Amino acid sequence: MVLSFFFENSSPASSAASAAPTTQEASFLSGLLSGDEEPRTLTASDSLAYNKAAHRLGIEASYTEDKSLLETVVAWLGTPYRYGSNSKSGTDCSGFVTRVFKEAYGITLQRSSRSMFSSVKHVQKDEMQTGDLVFFRRGPGQPIYHVGIYLKDGKFAHSATNGGVMVSSLNQAYYSRNFYAAGRVER
């Protein structure tokens, strides 16, 4: 999506009658487009879907996030935790992540959080994007024990043993202390 604004620019020394104003254009987010891509039009339906998903997930919509991912995560919210499962009647963390990626992108991920970690492109915490995976471990040398899907603004979706599929913040003490790494799945 490209947003533009126009403004008139006239020299203070010139008189309004003798000098025609010049128009300059400034485009925002033009870096999102490459080559010959057409700007994406945001429909009323898209706007409604983004706002509904953002509200349910506790994030602010910028309308550039992956709508399919957000809607898929919303559909799983409230699913109870069940170790070793990956259905809407119950799922563990890696089961949730594998099902969301299959439903949203048609991508089959490894089933365990450790296997997922070894198959993603590692990214810095300050470079995380919507859809990146976040991994947790209990300390140096400890194995990865938990995985979630990064949403934005420090929030991620995951299936927790004490609440099932939910959205949490990486700033919460527990997750901040145990955060290990982030990774991007090639799509």
Protein backbone atom coordinates (compact mmCIF):
# COMPACT_ATOMS: atom_id res chain seq x y z
CA MET A 1 0.00 0.00 0.00
CA VAL A 2 1.40 3.40 -0.92
CA LEU A 3 0.19 6.53 0.79
CA SER A 4 0.88 9.87 -0.83
CA PHE A 5 0.18 13.45 0.00
CA PHE A 6 0.48 16.59 -2.04
CA PHE A 7 1.20 20.12 -0.92
CA GLU A 8 1.68 23.42 -2.62
CA ASN A 9 5.03 25.09 -2.41
CA SER A 10 5.39 28.71 -3.42
CA SER A 11 8.19 31.10 -2.77
CA PRO A 12 7.38 33.75 -0.14
CA ALA A 13 9.06 36.36 -2.37
CA SER A 14 6.74 35.71 -5.29
CA SER A 15 3.29 37.17 -5.48
CA ALA A 16 0.29 34.90 -5.67
CA ALA A 17 -0.77 36.44 -8.97
CA SER A 18 2.55 36.11 -10.78
CA ALA A 19 3.81 32.70 -9.69
CA ALA A 20 1.93 29.46 -10.11
CA PRO A 21 2.38 27.12 -7.16
CA THR A 22 4.42 23.97 -7.70
CA THR A 23 3.23 20.61 -6.49
CA GLN A 24 5.54 18.10 -4.86
CA GLU A 25 4.70 14.52 -4.02
CA ALA A 26 5.97 12.51 -1.09
CA SER A 27 5.32 8.78 -1.03
CA PHE A 28 5.40 6.71 2.11
CA LEU A 29 6.05 3.00 2.23
CA SER A 30 7.29 3.03 -1.36
CA GLY A 31 10.00 0.66 -0.24
CA LEU A 32 7.34 -2.03 0.13
CA LEU A 33 6.93 -2.13 -3.62
CA SER A 34 9.57 -3.55 -5.90
CA GLY A 35 9.77 -3.34 -9.63
CA ASP A 36 6.48 -3.33 -11.45
CA GLU A 37 4.22 -4.27 -8.54
CA GLU A 38 0.95 -2.41 -8.37
CA PRO A 39 -0.02 -0.81 -5.07
CA ARG A 40 -2.36 -3.09 -3.16
CA THR A 41 -5.81 -1.65 -2.65
CA LEU A 42 -7.23 -2.04 0.83
CA THR A 43 -10.90 -2.93 0.55
CA ALA A 44 -13.50 -2.25 3.21
CA SER A 45 -13.67 -6.00 3.78
CA ASP A 46 -9.88 -6.19 4.29
CA SER A 47 -9.97 -3.23 6.65
CA LEU A 48 -12.71 -4.87 8.70
CA ALA A 49 -10.82 -8.19 8.80
CA TYR A 50 -7.58 -6.49 9.89
CA ASN A 51 -9.32 -4.48 12.60
CA LYS A 52 -11.22 -7.51 13.92
CA ALA A 53 -8.08 -9.66 14.04
CA ALA A 54 -6.00 -6.87 15.57
CA HIS A 55 -8.61 -6.29 18.28
CA ARG A 56 -8.77 -10.00 19.16
CA LEU A 57 -4.97 -10.29 19.18
CA GLY A 58 -4.36 -7.09 21.14
CA ILE A 59 -2.22 -5.47 18.46
CA GLU A 60 -2.58 -2.32 16.40
CA ALA A 61 -3.29 -2.99 12.73
CA SER A 62 -1.09 -1.24 10.20
CA TYR A 63 -2.80 -3.10 7.33
CA THR A 64 0.51 -4.49 6.10
CA GLU A 65 0.52 -7.62 8.26
CA ASP A 66 -0.32 -10.99 6.74
CA LYS A 67 -4.12 -11.06 6.99
CA SER A 68 -4.32 -14.82 6.41
CA LEU A 69 -1.93 -15.49 9.29
CA LEU A 70 -3.76 -13.15 11.67
CA GLU A 71 -7.16 -14.64 10.83
CA THR A 72 -5.82 -18.18 11.26
CA VAL A 73 -4.32 -17.36 14.66
CA VAL A 74 -7.61 -15.75 15.75
CA ALA A 75 -9.48 -18.93 14.78
CA TRP A 76 -7.24 -20.91 17.17
CA LEU A 77 -7.48 -18.55 20.17
CA GLY A 78 -8.90 -20.32 23.22
CA THR A 79 -8.02 -23.82 22.02
CA PRO A 80 -7.06 -25.80 25.15
CA TYR A 81 -3.54 -27.12 25.70
CA ARG A 82 -3.04 -30.83 25.09
CA TYR A 83 0.46 -32.29 24.96
CA GLY A 84 1.27 -34.09 21.70
CA SER A 85 -1.88 -32.92 19.93
CA ASN A 86 -2.53 -30.48 17.10
CA SER A 87 -6.27 -30.09 16.71
CA LYS A 88 -8.79 -27.49 17.81
CA SER A 89 -9.91 -29.83 20.57
CA GLY A 90 -6.42 -29.45 22.06
CA THR A 91 -2.89 -28.60 20.94
CA ASP A 92 0.60 -28.11 22.26
CA CYS A 93 2.89 -25.27 21.18
CA SER A 94 4.52 -26.95 18.19
CA GLY A 95 1.22 -28.47 17.10
CA PHE A 96 -0.34 -25.01 17.07
CA VAL A 97 2.53 -23.54 15.03
CA THR A 98 2.51 -26.40 12.49
CA ARG A 99 -1.25 -26.17 11.97
CA VAL A 100 -1.25 -22.38 11.60
CA PHE A 101 1.51 -22.51 8.98
CA LYS A 102 -0.25 -25.32 7.12
CA GLU A 103 -3.60 -23.47 7.14
CA ALA A 104 -2.26 -19.98 6.39
CA TYR A 105 0.54 -20.83 3.92
CA GLY A 106 0.26 -24.50 2.96
CA ILE A 107 3.71 -25.04 4.54
CA THR A 108 4.49 -28.23 6.45
CA LEU A 109 6.87 -27.55 9.35
CA GLN A 110 8.79 -30.01 11.50
CA ARG A 111 6.68 -31.17 14.46
CA SER A 112 8.98 -30.33 17.39
CA SER A 113 10.13 -26.88 18.50
CA ARG A 114 13.77 -28.04 18.39
CA SER A 115 13.41 -29.31 14.82
CA MET A 116 11.71 -26.06 13.81
CA PHE A 117 14.60 -24.09 15.28
CA SER A 118 17.14 -25.99 13.19
CA SER A 119 15.19 -25.38 9.97
CA VAL A 120 14.54 -21.60 10.13
CA LYS A 121 16.66 -18.63 9.13
CA HIS A 122 17.70 -17.02 12.40
CA VAL A 123 16.88 -13.32 12.77
CA GLN A 124 17.77 -10.73 15.39
CA LYS A 125 15.12 -9.87 17.96
CA ASP A 126 14.91 -6.28 16.71
CA GLU A 127 14.36 -7.54 13.13
CA MET A 128 11.39 -9.81 13.87
CA GLN A 129 8.41 -9.61 11.54
CA THR A 130 4.85 -10.87 11.74
CA GLY A 131 4.96 -14.63 11.18
CA ASP A 132 8.47 -15.22 12.52
CA LEU A 133 8.87 -17.98 15.08
CA VAL A 134 10.01 -17.24 18.62
CA PHE A 135 11.86 -19.89 20.63
CA PHE A 136 12.34 -20.28 24.37
CA ARG A 137 14.66 -22.22 26.65
CA ARG A 138 15.15 -22.22 30.43
CA GLY A 139 18.80 -21.18 30.44
CA PRO A 140 22.19 -21.50 28.75
CA GLY A 141 22.83 -25.01 27.51
CA GLN A 142 19.21 -26.01 28.02
CA PRO A 143 17.16 -27.34 25.10
CA ILE A 144 14.46 -25.33 23.38
CA TYR A 145 11.16 -26.22 25.01
CA HIS A 146 8.63 -23.75 23.57
CA VAL A 147 7.76 -22.03 20.29
CA GLY A 148 5.28 -19.36 19.26
CA ILE A 149 4.43 -17.11 16.32
CA TYR A 150 5.49 -13.47 16.50
CA LEU A 151 2.67 -11.02 15.77
CA LYS A 152 4.09 -7.52 16.30
CA ASP A 153 4.77 -4.95 19.01
CA GLY A 154 6.45 -7.60 21.17
CA LYS A 155 3.41 -9.90 21.15
CA PHE A 156 3.29 -13.52 20.08
CA ALA A 157 0.70 -16.31 19.82
CA HIS A 158 1.36 -19.71 21.37
CA SER A 159 -0.20 -22.64 23.15
CA ALA A 160 0.68 -22.49 26.85
CA THR A 161 0.26 -25.31 29.34
CA ASN A 162 -1.65 -22.96 31.64
CA GLY A 163 -4.16 -21.51 29.20
CA GLY A 164 -4.00 -23.01 25.74
CA VAL A 165 -3.74 -20.83 22.66
CA MET A 166 -3.30 -17.22 23.68
CA VAL A 167 -1.37 -14.04 22.96
CA SER A 168 1.44 -13.07 25.34
CA SER A 169 4.10 -10.39 25.44
CA LEU A 170 7.82 -10.96 25.13
CA ASN A 171 8.10 -8.24 27.78
CA GLN A 172 6.40 -10.40 30.42
CA ALA A 173 9.06 -11.44 32.94
CA TYR A 174 8.75 -15.18 32.25
CA TYR A 175 9.00 -14.87 28.46
CA SER A 176 11.63 -12.13 28.59
CA ARG A 177 13.82 -14.31 30.82
CA ASN A 178 13.38 -17.45 28.70
CA PHE A 179 13.42 -15.96 25.18
CA TYR A 180 16.21 -17.61 23.21
CA ALA A 181 15.95 -16.75 19.52
CA ALA A 182 13.75 -15.87 16.57
CA GLY A 183 13.62 -17.50 13.18
CA ARG A 184 11.99 -16.92 9.81
CA VAL A 185 10.37 -19.67 7.77
CA GLU A 186 11.15 -19.36 4.06
CA ARG A 187 7.87 -18.90 2.19
